[in-house]
Amino acid sequence: MIQGGYQYRFHSKLNRGFILGVNPYLNGLVGAVLQDYARADRRYSVFVVKEVADKVDKDHPYKPGVYNLQLASSDASAQTYLGFPMSYDNMNRGTVADGQQLYSIDTLHYPNVATWPAFRMGVEYVDWTYPQHPELQTPSSDGWVKISTIASGSVAEVSDGTVLHNQPVNSAGYNGGERQQWWAERVG
């Protein structure tokens, strides 16, 4: 099972040599992208999965386990989280449309970003038998997952199904396709 408090890398099912990362060359809203594992900077491609225990989220229909995905390199003064923003107003309400790019936003610019529905993420195994069968699980809880927002159930999907370094990762309705599946590799 995905465990809160641990660090993970998310490899694309399209090509496990590519991982979910953040393109750090912009300030403020920074796009999440697919990165070549060999070229990826650990500071921008390893995420701490932090479990959210809010009562509001516990009964949400998209709740497989509600988490904030925080860059592991974040410090106490500016924690950086992944989510699907559209505008400040929609981020706070949690409105997410398909085709919206996954972004990272830090608490320096938006102090309460971790509480926004569009930044509350579900990380759920795509093989429903996996959580029920401990004998299939690895000790580190690796496995294929989908990453969704509790705001709408939209999942992180490799844009256009193209495997390129810095290819955008967008939101889409879940269809079980390979570009929507990620190998959760626990790294710390």
N, C-alpha and C. Protein backbone atom coordinates (compact mmCIF):
# COMPACT_ATOMS: atom_id res chain seq x y z
N MET A 1 0.84 -1.20 0.00
CA MET A 1 0.00 0.00 0.00
C MET A 1 0.88 1.25 0.00
N ILE A 2 0.41 2.29 -0.66
CA ILE A 2 1.11 3.58 -0.62
C ILE A 2 1.07 4.03 0.84
N GLN A 3 2.19 4.50 1.32
CA GLN A 3 2.28 4.88 2.72
C GLN A 3 2.64 6.35 2.85
N GLY A 4 1.82 7.07 3.61
CA GLY A 4 2.09 8.47 3.87
C GLY A 4 3.39 8.66 4.62
N GLY A 5 4.10 9.73 4.29
CA GLY A 5 5.35 10.05 4.96
C GLY A 5 6.58 9.53 4.26
N TYR A 6 6.39 8.69 3.23
CA TYR A 6 7.53 8.14 2.49
C TYR A 6 7.74 8.89 1.18
N GLN A 7 8.95 8.75 0.64
CA GLN A 7 9.30 9.38 -0.62
C GLN A 7 9.12 8.39 -1.77
N TYR A 8 8.57 8.90 -2.88
CA TYR A 8 8.31 8.07 -4.06
C TYR A 8 8.77 8.78 -5.33
N ARG A 9 9.16 7.97 -6.31
CA ARG A 9 9.28 8.40 -7.70
C ARG A 9 8.15 7.72 -8.44
N PHE A 10 7.59 8.39 -9.44
CA PHE A 10 6.50 7.84 -10.23
C PHE A 10 6.97 7.66 -11.67
N HIS A 11 7.17 6.39 -12.08
CA HIS A 11 7.62 6.06 -13.43
C HIS A 11 6.41 5.90 -14.35
N SER A 12 6.51 6.38 -15.58
CA SER A 12 5.42 6.26 -16.54
C SER A 12 5.33 4.83 -17.07
N LYS A 13 4.12 4.32 -17.22
CA LYS A 13 3.94 2.99 -17.80
C LYS A 13 4.30 2.98 -19.28
N LEU A 14 4.23 4.14 -19.93
CA LEU A 14 4.62 4.21 -21.34
C LEU A 14 6.08 3.84 -21.52
N ASN A 15 6.91 4.24 -20.56
CA ASN A 15 8.34 3.94 -20.59
C ASN A 15 8.86 4.16 -19.18
N ARG A 16 9.24 3.07 -18.50
CA ARG A 16 9.67 3.19 -17.10
C ARG A 16 10.96 3.98 -16.94
N GLY A 17 11.62 4.31 -18.03
CA GLY A 17 12.81 5.14 -17.98
C GLY A 17 12.47 6.62 -17.86
N PHE A 18 11.18 6.93 -17.79
CA PHE A 18 10.73 8.31 -17.64
C PHE A 18 9.90 8.43 -16.37
N ILE A 19 10.08 9.54 -15.64
CA ILE A 19 9.41 9.72 -14.35
C ILE A 19 8.69 11.07 -14.29
N LEU A 20 7.75 11.16 -13.38
CA LEU A 20 7.04 12.41 -13.13
C LEU A 20 7.99 13.36 -12.43
N GLY A 21 8.05 14.58 -12.92
CA GLY A 21 8.92 15.58 -12.31
C GLY A 21 8.35 16.97 -12.48
N VAL A 22 9.10 17.94 -12.02
CA VAL A 22 8.70 19.34 -12.11
C VAL A 22 9.78 20.06 -12.90
N ASN A 23 9.36 20.88 -13.86
CA ASN A 23 10.30 21.67 -14.63
C ASN A 23 10.58 22.95 -13.85
N PRO A 24 11.77 23.09 -13.27
CA PRO A 24 12.03 24.16 -12.30
C PRO A 24 12.44 25.51 -12.89
N TYR A 25 12.39 25.68 -14.20
CA TYR A 25 12.93 26.92 -14.76
C TYR A 25 11.99 28.11 -14.64
N LEU A 26 10.76 27.91 -14.22
CA LEU A 26 9.81 29.02 -14.04
C LEU A 26 9.55 29.26 -12.56
N ASN A 27 9.08 30.44 -12.20
CA ASN A 27 8.68 30.74 -10.82
C ASN A 27 7.16 30.75 -10.73
N GLY A 28 6.65 30.62 -9.53
CA GLY A 28 5.20 30.63 -9.33
C GLY A 28 4.61 29.30 -9.74
N LEU A 29 3.74 29.32 -10.78
CA LEU A 29 3.15 28.09 -11.30
C LEU A 29 4.19 27.38 -12.15
N VAL A 30 4.56 26.18 -11.77
CA VAL A 30 5.58 25.42 -12.49
C VAL A 30 4.96 24.12 -12.95
N GLY A 31 5.09 23.83 -14.24
CA GLY A 31 4.47 22.66 -14.81
C GLY A 31 5.12 21.35 -14.43
N ALA A 32 4.27 20.34 -14.21
CA ALA A 32 4.76 18.98 -14.00
C ALA A 32 4.96 18.35 -15.37
N VAL A 33 6.02 17.59 -15.50
CA VAL A 33 6.40 17.03 -16.78
C VAL A 33 6.93 15.61 -16.62
N LEU A 34 7.06 14.93 -17.74
CA LEU A 34 7.72 13.65 -17.81
C LEU A 34 9.20 13.93 -17.99
N GLN A 35 10.06 13.26 -17.23
CA GLN A 35 11.50 13.50 -17.34
C GLN A 35 12.24 12.19 -17.56
N ASP A 36 13.26 12.25 -18.39
CA ASP A 36 14.14 11.11 -18.61
C ASP A 36 14.84 10.84 -17.27
N TYR A 37 14.71 9.60 -16.78
CA TYR A 37 15.26 9.24 -15.48
C TYR A 37 16.75 9.60 -15.38
N ALA A 38 17.50 9.36 -16.45
CA ALA A 38 18.94 9.63 -16.43
C ALA A 38 19.26 11.11 -16.35
N ARG A 39 18.34 11.97 -16.77
CA ARG A 39 18.56 13.42 -16.78
C ARG A 39 17.83 14.14 -15.65
N ALA A 40 16.94 13.45 -14.96
CA ALA A 40 16.10 14.08 -13.93
C ALA A 40 16.92 14.45 -12.70
N ASP A 41 16.63 15.60 -12.16
CA ASP A 41 17.24 16.06 -10.92
C ASP A 41 16.38 15.57 -9.76
N ARG A 42 16.97 14.85 -8.83
CA ARG A 42 16.24 14.29 -7.69
C ARG A 42 15.43 15.36 -6.94
N ARG A 43 15.95 16.59 -6.88
CA ARG A 43 15.23 17.65 -6.17
C ARG A 43 13.87 17.94 -6.78
N TYR A 44 13.70 17.61 -8.07
CA TYR A 44 12.46 17.94 -8.77
C TYR A 44 11.70 16.70 -9.25
N SER A 45 12.05 15.53 -8.75
CA SER A 45 11.38 14.32 -9.22
C SER A 45 11.09 13.29 -8.12
N VAL A 46 11.37 13.64 -6.88
CA VAL A 46 11.04 12.76 -5.76
C VAL A 46 10.00 13.49 -4.90
N PHE A 47 8.92 12.77 -4.58
CA PHE A 47 7.80 13.37 -3.86
C PHE A 47 7.55 12.66 -2.54
N VAL A 48 7.28 13.45 -1.51
CA VAL A 48 6.83 12.91 -0.24
C VAL A 48 5.32 12.81 -0.34
N VAL A 49 4.80 11.62 -0.07
CA VAL A 49 3.36 11.40 -0.08
C VAL A 49 2.87 11.63 1.35
N LYS A 50 2.15 12.75 1.55
CA LYS A 50 1.69 13.12 2.90
C LYS A 50 0.20 12.86 3.01
N GLU A 51 -0.16 11.96 3.92
CA GLU A 51 -1.58 11.63 4.08
C GLU A 51 -2.33 12.81 4.67
N VAL A 52 -3.54 13.05 4.12
CA VAL A 52 -4.42 14.11 4.58
C VAL A 52 -5.50 13.45 5.42
N ALA A 53 -5.69 13.94 6.61
CA ALA A 53 -6.64 13.31 7.53
C ALA A 53 -7.87 14.17 7.79
N ASP A 54 -8.15 15.11 6.90
CA ASP A 54 -9.32 15.97 7.10
C ASP A 54 -10.60 15.16 7.02
N LYS A 55 -11.51 15.44 7.92
CA LYS A 55 -12.81 14.77 7.92
C LYS A 55 -13.55 15.04 6.61
N VAL A 56 -13.39 16.21 6.05
CA VAL A 56 -14.05 16.58 4.80
C VAL A 56 -13.70 15.61 3.69
N ASP A 57 -12.44 15.17 3.62
CA ASP A 57 -11.98 14.32 2.53
C ASP A 57 -12.31 12.84 2.73
N LYS A 58 -12.55 12.41 3.94
CA LYS A 58 -12.70 10.99 4.22
C LYS A 58 -13.90 10.35 3.51
N ASP A 59 -14.98 11.11 3.30
CA ASP A 59 -16.17 10.55 2.64
C ASP A 59 -16.26 10.95 1.18
N HIS A 60 -15.21 11.54 0.63
CA HIS A 60 -15.23 11.98 -0.76
C HIS A 60 -15.29 10.77 -1.69
N PRO A 61 -16.12 10.83 -2.75
CA PRO A 61 -16.27 9.66 -3.63
C PRO A 61 -14.98 9.25 -4.34
N TYR A 62 -14.03 10.16 -4.52
CA TYR A 62 -12.79 9.82 -5.21
C TYR A 62 -11.67 9.48 -4.25
N LYS A 63 -11.99 9.30 -2.96
CA LYS A 63 -10.96 9.07 -1.96
C LYS A 63 -10.45 7.62 -1.96
N PRO A 64 -9.30 7.35 -2.60
CA PRO A 64 -8.67 6.06 -2.44
C PRO A 64 -7.73 6.07 -1.25
N GLY A 65 -7.31 7.20 -0.86
CA GLY A 65 -6.35 7.56 0.17
C GLY A 65 -6.02 8.97 -0.26
N VAL A 66 -6.26 9.95 0.56
CA VAL A 66 -6.08 11.34 0.15
C VAL A 66 -4.73 11.83 0.64
N TYR A 67 -3.97 12.39 -0.29
CA TYR A 67 -2.61 12.82 0.01
C TYR A 67 -2.32 14.19 -0.59
N ASN A 68 -1.31 14.83 -0.03
CA ASN A 68 -0.63 15.93 -0.71
C ASN A 68 0.65 15.32 -1.26
N LEU A 69 0.98 15.64 -2.50
CA LEU A 69 2.24 15.21 -3.08
C LEU A 69 3.19 16.39 -3.03
N GLN A 70 4.15 16.33 -2.14
CA GLN A 70 5.07 17.43 -1.89
C GLN A 70 6.45 17.07 -2.42
N LEU A 71 7.09 18.02 -3.10
CA LEU A 71 8.47 17.78 -3.52
C LEU A 71 9.32 17.51 -2.29
N ALA A 72 10.11 16.46 -2.34
CA ALA A 72 10.92 16.07 -1.20
C ALA A 72 11.96 17.13 -0.85
N SER A 73 12.37 17.90 -1.85
CA SER A 73 13.39 18.93 -1.62
C SER A 73 12.83 20.20 -0.99
N SER A 74 11.51 20.25 -0.77
CA SER A 74 10.89 21.43 -0.16
C SER A 74 11.45 21.65 1.24
N ASP A 75 11.55 22.91 1.62
CA ASP A 75 11.97 23.20 2.99
C ASP A 75 10.78 23.73 3.77
N ALA A 76 10.96 23.95 5.04
CA ALA A 76 9.87 24.37 5.91
C ALA A 76 9.29 25.72 5.52
N SER A 77 10.10 26.60 4.91
CA SER A 77 9.63 27.94 4.58
C SER A 77 8.81 27.97 3.28
N ALA A 78 9.01 27.02 2.38
CA ALA A 78 8.28 27.01 1.12
C ALA A 78 8.10 25.58 0.62
N GLN A 79 7.07 24.93 1.11
CA GLN A 79 6.77 23.57 0.66
C GLN A 79 6.07 23.63 -0.69
N THR A 80 6.43 22.73 -1.60
CA THR A 80 5.91 22.73 -2.96
C THR A 80 5.04 21.49 -3.17
N TYR A 81 3.79 21.71 -3.64
CA TYR A 81 2.81 20.65 -3.82
C TYR A 81 2.37 20.53 -5.27
N LEU A 82 1.96 19.32 -5.69
CA LEU A 82 1.41 19.08 -7.02
C LEU A 82 -0.10 19.20 -6.98
N GLY A 83 -0.68 19.73 -8.06
CA GLY A 83 -2.13 19.83 -8.18
C GLY A 83 -2.53 20.30 -9.57
N PHE A 84 -3.84 20.50 -9.77
CA PHE A 84 -4.38 20.89 -11.07
C PHE A 84 -5.05 22.26 -11.01
N PRO A 85 -4.30 23.35 -10.98
CA PRO A 85 -4.94 24.66 -10.90
C PRO A 85 -5.48 25.13 -12.25
N MET A 86 -6.51 25.97 -12.20
CA MET A 86 -7.00 26.66 -13.39
C MET A 86 -6.92 28.16 -13.16
N SER A 87 -7.42 28.59 -12.04
CA SER A 87 -7.33 29.99 -11.63
C SER A 87 -7.34 29.95 -10.11
N TYR A 88 -7.01 31.04 -9.47
CA TYR A 88 -6.99 31.05 -8.01
C TYR A 88 -8.35 30.64 -7.46
N ASP A 89 -9.41 31.20 -8.03
CA ASP A 89 -10.76 30.91 -7.56
C ASP A 89 -11.10 29.42 -7.74
N ASN A 90 -10.79 28.87 -8.90
CA ASN A 90 -11.09 27.46 -9.16
C ASN A 90 -10.20 26.52 -8.36
N MET A 91 -8.95 26.91 -8.09
CA MET A 91 -8.08 26.06 -7.29
C MET A 91 -8.67 25.87 -5.91
N ASN A 92 -9.18 26.96 -5.36
CA ASN A 92 -9.73 26.92 -4.01
C ASN A 92 -11.02 26.09 -3.98
N ARG A 93 -11.83 26.19 -5.04
CA ARG A 93 -13.07 25.42 -5.11
C ARG A 93 -12.82 23.99 -5.56
N GLY A 94 -11.75 23.81 -6.33
CA GLY A 94 -11.41 22.47 -6.78
C GLY A 94 -11.94 22.10 -8.14
N THR A 95 -12.34 23.08 -8.96
CA THR A 95 -12.83 22.77 -10.29
C THR A 95 -11.66 22.39 -11.19
N VAL A 96 -11.72 21.21 -11.79
CA VAL A 96 -10.65 20.74 -12.67
C VAL A 96 -11.27 20.21 -13.95
N ALA A 97 -10.77 20.69 -15.08
CA ALA A 97 -11.25 20.21 -16.38
C ALA A 97 -10.19 19.34 -17.02
N ASP A 98 -10.60 18.43 -17.88
CA ASP A 98 -9.65 17.60 -18.60
C ASP A 98 -8.74 18.48 -19.46
N GLY A 99 -7.49 18.05 -19.60
CA GLY A 99 -6.53 18.78 -20.41
C GLY A 99 -5.76 19.84 -19.65
N GLN A 100 -6.06 20.02 -18.36
CA GLN A 100 -5.37 21.00 -17.54
C GLN A 100 -4.02 20.44 -17.13
N GLN A 101 -2.96 21.23 -17.24
CA GLN A 101 -1.64 20.72 -16.86
C GLN A 101 -1.51 20.58 -15.35
N LEU A 102 -0.83 19.52 -14.93
CA LEU A 102 -0.49 19.32 -13.53
C LEU A 102 0.60 20.34 -13.20
N TYR A 103 0.45 21.04 -12.08
CA TYR A 103 1.39 22.09 -11.70
C TYR A 103 1.92 21.85 -10.30
N SER A 104 2.96 22.59 -9.97
CA SER A 104 3.40 22.65 -8.58
C SER A 104 3.31 24.09 -8.14
N ILE A 105 2.87 24.27 -6.91
CA ILE A 105 2.76 25.61 -6.32
C ILE A 105 3.33 25.52 -4.91
N ASP A 106 4.03 26.58 -4.50
CA ASP A 106 4.63 26.53 -3.17
C ASP A 106 3.87 27.38 -2.18
N THR A 107 4.11 27.10 -0.90
CA THR A 107 3.41 27.80 0.18
C THR A 107 3.94 29.21 0.40
N LEU A 108 5.05 29.54 -0.24
CA LEU A 108 5.56 30.90 -0.16
C LEU A 108 4.61 31.85 -0.89
N HIS A 109 4.11 31.43 -2.07
CA HIS A 109 3.20 32.25 -2.86
C HIS A 109 1.74 32.06 -2.43
N TYR A 110 1.37 30.84 -2.04
CA TYR A 110 0.00 30.52 -1.64
C TYR A 110 0.06 29.69 -0.36
N PRO A 111 0.03 30.34 0.80
CA PRO A 111 0.25 29.65 2.08
C PRO A 111 -0.68 28.48 2.36
N ASN A 112 -1.91 28.50 1.86
CA ASN A 112 -2.87 27.44 2.18
C ASN A 112 -3.10 26.47 1.02
N VAL A 113 -2.17 26.39 0.07
CA VAL A 113 -2.34 25.54 -1.12
C VAL A 113 -2.59 24.08 -0.77
N ALA A 114 -2.02 23.57 0.30
CA ALA A 114 -2.18 22.16 0.67
C ALA A 114 -3.62 21.81 1.05
N THR A 115 -4.44 22.82 1.36
CA THR A 115 -5.83 22.56 1.74
C THR A 115 -6.78 22.64 0.55
N TRP A 116 -6.33 23.12 -0.61
CA TRP A 116 -7.20 23.27 -1.76
C TRP A 116 -7.57 21.91 -2.34
N PRO A 117 -8.84 21.68 -2.68
CA PRO A 117 -9.25 20.39 -3.23
C PRO A 117 -8.46 19.97 -4.47
N ALA A 118 -8.08 20.91 -5.31
CA ALA A 118 -7.33 20.57 -6.54
C ALA A 118 -5.90 20.12 -6.23
N PHE A 119 -5.45 20.29 -4.98
CA PHE A 119 -4.12 19.85 -4.56
C PHE A 119 -4.21 18.69 -3.57
N ARG A 120 -5.40 18.15 -3.38
CA ARG A 120 -5.59 16.94 -2.60
C ARG A 120 -5.64 15.81 -3.62
N MET A 121 -4.68 14.92 -3.56
CA MET A 121 -4.53 13.90 -4.59
C MET A 121 -4.82 12.51 -4.04
N GLY A 122 -5.43 11.70 -4.87
CA GLY A 122 -5.62 10.29 -4.56
C GLY A 122 -4.53 9.50 -5.26
N VAL A 123 -3.91 8.58 -4.56
CA VAL A 123 -2.94 7.67 -5.16
C VAL A 123 -3.47 6.28 -4.91
N GLU A 124 -3.90 5.62 -6.00
CA GLU A 124 -4.63 4.36 -5.87
C GLU A 124 -4.06 3.33 -6.83
N TYR A 125 -3.89 2.10 -6.35
CA TYR A 125 -3.41 1.03 -7.22
C TYR A 125 -4.44 0.76 -8.31
N VAL A 126 -3.98 0.58 -9.55
CA VAL A 126 -4.90 0.34 -10.66
C VAL A 126 -5.35 -1.11 -10.72
N ASP A 127 -4.57 -2.03 -10.18
CA ASP A 127 -4.99 -3.43 -10.08
C ASP A 127 -5.69 -3.59 -8.74
N TRP A 128 -7.01 -3.71 -8.77
CA TRP A 128 -7.80 -3.71 -7.52
C TRP A 128 -7.46 -4.90 -6.63
N THR A 129 -6.87 -5.97 -7.18
CA THR A 129 -6.53 -7.12 -6.35
C THR A 129 -5.26 -6.90 -5.54
N TYR A 130 -4.44 -5.96 -5.97
CA TYR A 130 -3.13 -5.75 -5.35
C TYR A 130 -3.22 -5.45 -3.85
N PRO A 131 -4.05 -4.49 -3.42
CA PRO A 131 -4.12 -4.20 -1.97
C PRO A 131 -4.65 -5.37 -1.14
N GLN A 132 -5.47 -6.24 -1.73
CA GLN A 132 -6.05 -7.34 -0.97
C GLN A 132 -5.13 -8.56 -0.88
N HIS A 133 -4.02 -8.54 -1.61
CA HIS A 133 -3.13 -9.71 -1.65
C HIS A 133 -1.72 -9.34 -1.23
N PRO A 134 -1.42 -9.41 0.06
CA PRO A 134 -0.09 -9.05 0.55
C PRO A 134 1.03 -9.84 -0.12
N GLU A 135 0.75 -11.07 -0.56
CA GLU A 135 1.79 -11.88 -1.19
C GLU A 135 2.24 -11.30 -2.54
N LEU A 136 1.42 -10.43 -3.15
CA LEU A 136 1.79 -9.80 -4.41
C LEU A 136 2.57 -8.51 -4.21
N GLN A 137 2.54 -7.99 -3.00
CA GLN A 137 3.13 -6.69 -2.74
C GLN A 137 4.63 -6.79 -2.47
N THR A 138 5.33 -5.78 -2.90
CA THR A 138 6.76 -5.70 -2.59
C THR A 138 6.91 -5.08 -1.21
N PRO A 139 8.03 -5.32 -0.53
CA PRO A 139 8.21 -4.73 0.81
C PRO A 139 8.15 -3.20 0.81
N SER A 140 8.51 -2.59 -0.31
CA SER A 140 8.54 -1.13 -0.37
C SER A 140 7.23 -0.54 -0.89
N SER A 141 6.22 -1.36 -1.14
CA SER A 141 4.90 -0.96 -1.63
C SER A 141 4.91 -0.41 -3.05
N ASP A 142 5.89 -0.83 -3.86
CA ASP A 142 5.90 -0.44 -5.27
C ASP A 142 4.65 -1.00 -5.95
N GLY A 143 4.23 -0.39 -7.04
CA GLY A 143 3.10 -0.89 -7.81
C GLY A 143 2.57 0.15 -8.76
N TRP A 144 1.74 -0.28 -9.73
CA TRP A 144 1.12 0.65 -10.68
C TRP A 144 -0.03 1.38 -10.01
N VAL A 145 -0.03 2.71 -10.12
CA VAL A 145 -1.06 3.54 -9.50
C VAL A 145 -1.60 4.54 -10.50
N LYS A 146 -2.75 5.10 -10.16
CA LYS A 146 -3.23 6.30 -10.85
C LYS A 146 -3.17 7.41 -9.83
N ILE A 147 -2.90 8.62 -10.29
CA ILE A 147 -2.80 9.79 -9.44
C ILE A 147 -3.96 10.71 -9.83
N SER A 148 -4.91 10.91 -8.92
CA SER A 148 -6.11 11.69 -9.25
C SER A 148 -6.30 12.82 -8.26
N THR A 149 -7.08 13.79 -8.66
CA THR A 149 -7.44 14.87 -7.75
C THR A 149 -8.80 14.57 -7.15
N ILE A 150 -8.96 14.81 -5.87
CA ILE A 150 -10.27 14.57 -5.26
C ILE A 150 -11.29 15.59 -5.71
N ALA A 151 -10.82 16.69 -6.33
CA ALA A 151 -11.74 17.73 -6.79
C ALA A 151 -12.68 17.21 -7.86
N SER A 152 -12.21 16.30 -8.72
CA SER A 152 -13.04 15.84 -9.83
C SER A 152 -12.81 14.38 -10.21
N GLY A 153 -11.76 13.78 -9.68
CA GLY A 153 -11.42 12.43 -10.10
C GLY A 153 -10.52 12.38 -11.32
N SER A 154 -10.20 13.55 -11.90
CA SER A 154 -9.29 13.59 -13.04
C SER A 154 -7.93 13.03 -12.64
N VAL A 155 -7.29 12.32 -13.57
CA VAL A 155 -6.00 11.69 -13.28
C VAL A 155 -4.87 12.34 -14.04
N ALA A 156 -3.65 12.14 -13.53
CA ALA A 156 -2.44 12.63 -14.21
C ALA A 156 -2.18 11.73 -15.41
N GLU A 157 -2.04 12.36 -16.58
CA GLU A 157 -1.87 11.63 -17.83
C GLU A 157 -0.77 12.27 -18.65
N VAL A 158 0.10 11.45 -19.26
CA VAL A 158 1.14 11.97 -20.13
C VAL A 158 0.47 12.57 -21.36
N SER A 159 0.70 13.84 -21.62
CA SER A 159 0.08 14.55 -22.72
C SER A 159 0.40 13.89 -24.06
N ASP A 160 -0.62 13.66 -24.86
CA ASP A 160 -0.50 13.10 -26.21
C ASP A 160 0.14 11.72 -26.25
N GLY A 161 0.37 11.09 -25.12
CA GLY A 161 0.98 9.77 -25.10
C GLY A 161 2.40 9.77 -25.65
N THR A 162 3.04 10.94 -25.62
CA THR A 162 4.38 11.08 -26.17
C THR A 162 5.42 11.01 -25.06
N VAL A 163 6.43 10.17 -25.25
CA VAL A 163 7.48 10.01 -24.24
C VAL A 163 8.69 10.84 -24.65
N LEU A 164 8.76 12.04 -24.11
CA LEU A 164 9.86 12.96 -24.37
C LEU A 164 10.25 13.63 -23.05
N HIS A 165 11.51 14.00 -22.90
CA HIS A 165 11.95 14.74 -21.72
C HIS A 165 11.21 16.08 -21.70
N ASN A 166 10.62 16.42 -20.58
CA ASN A 166 9.83 17.64 -20.35
C ASN A 166 8.49 17.66 -21.08
N GLN A 167 7.96 16.47 -21.41
CA GLN A 167 6.61 16.37 -21.97
C GLN A 167 5.61 16.69 -20.86
N PRO A 168 4.62 17.59 -21.10
CA PRO A 168 3.67 17.94 -20.05
C PRO A 168 2.83 16.76 -19.56
N VAL A 169 2.41 16.85 -18.31
CA VAL A 169 1.50 15.89 -17.70
C VAL A 169 0.20 16.65 -17.43
N ASN A 170 -0.90 16.16 -18.00
CA ASN A 170 -2.18 16.84 -17.92
C ASN A 170 -3.22 16.02 -17.16
N SER A 171 -4.40 16.62 -16.96
CA SER A 171 -5.52 15.92 -16.34
C SER A 171 -6.40 15.30 -17.42
N ALA A 172 -7.02 14.19 -17.07
CA ALA A 172 -7.94 13.52 -17.99
C ALA A 172 -8.85 12.61 -17.18
N GLY A 173 -9.99 12.27 -17.76
CA GLY A 173 -10.86 11.28 -17.14
C GLY A 173 -10.16 9.92 -17.21
N TYR A 174 -10.33 9.10 -16.19
CA TYR A 174 -9.62 7.83 -16.13
C TYR A 174 -10.21 6.82 -17.10
N ASN A 175 -9.34 6.22 -17.93
CA ASN A 175 -9.78 5.17 -18.86
C ASN A 175 -8.93 3.91 -18.74
N GLY A 176 -7.98 3.90 -17.81
CA GLY A 176 -7.14 2.73 -17.59
C GLY A 176 -5.98 2.60 -18.56
N GLY A 177 -5.77 3.60 -19.40
CA GLY A 177 -4.69 3.55 -20.39
C GLY A 177 -3.30 3.64 -19.77
N GLU A 178 -2.30 3.21 -20.55
CA GLU A 178 -0.93 3.21 -20.06
C GLU A 178 -0.41 4.60 -19.74
N ARG A 179 -0.86 5.62 -20.45
CA ARG A 179 -0.33 6.97 -20.16
C ARG A 179 -0.89 7.56 -18.88
N GLN A 180 -1.85 6.85 -18.24
CA GLN A 180 -2.43 7.29 -16.96
C GLN A 180 -1.93 6.46 -15.79
N GLN A 181 -1.00 5.54 -16.03
CA GLN A 181 -0.53 4.68 -14.97
C GLN A 181 0.94 4.98 -14.64
N TRP A 182 1.24 4.91 -13.35
CA TRP A 182 2.56 5.28 -12.83
C TRP A 182 3.05 4.19 -11.89
N TRP A 183 4.32 3.83 -12.00
CA TRP A 183 4.91 2.87 -11.08
C TRP A 183 5.39 3.65 -9.87
N ALA A 184 4.79 3.40 -8.72
CA ALA A 184 5.18 4.08 -7.48
C ALA A 184 6.37 3.35 -6.89
N GLU A 185 7.54 3.96 -7.02
CA GLU A 185 8.78 3.37 -6.49
C GLU A 185 9.15 4.11 -5.21
N ARG A 186 9.10 3.41 -4.09
CA ARG A 186 9.46 4.05 -2.82
C ARG A 186 10.99 4.17 -2.76
N VAL A 187 11.45 5.40 -2.50
CA VAL A 187 12.90 5.67 -2.51
C VAL A 187 13.39 6.19 -1.17
N GLY A 188 12.54 6.34 -0.21
CA GLY A 188 12.99 6.83 1.10
C GLY A 188 11.86 6.96 2.07
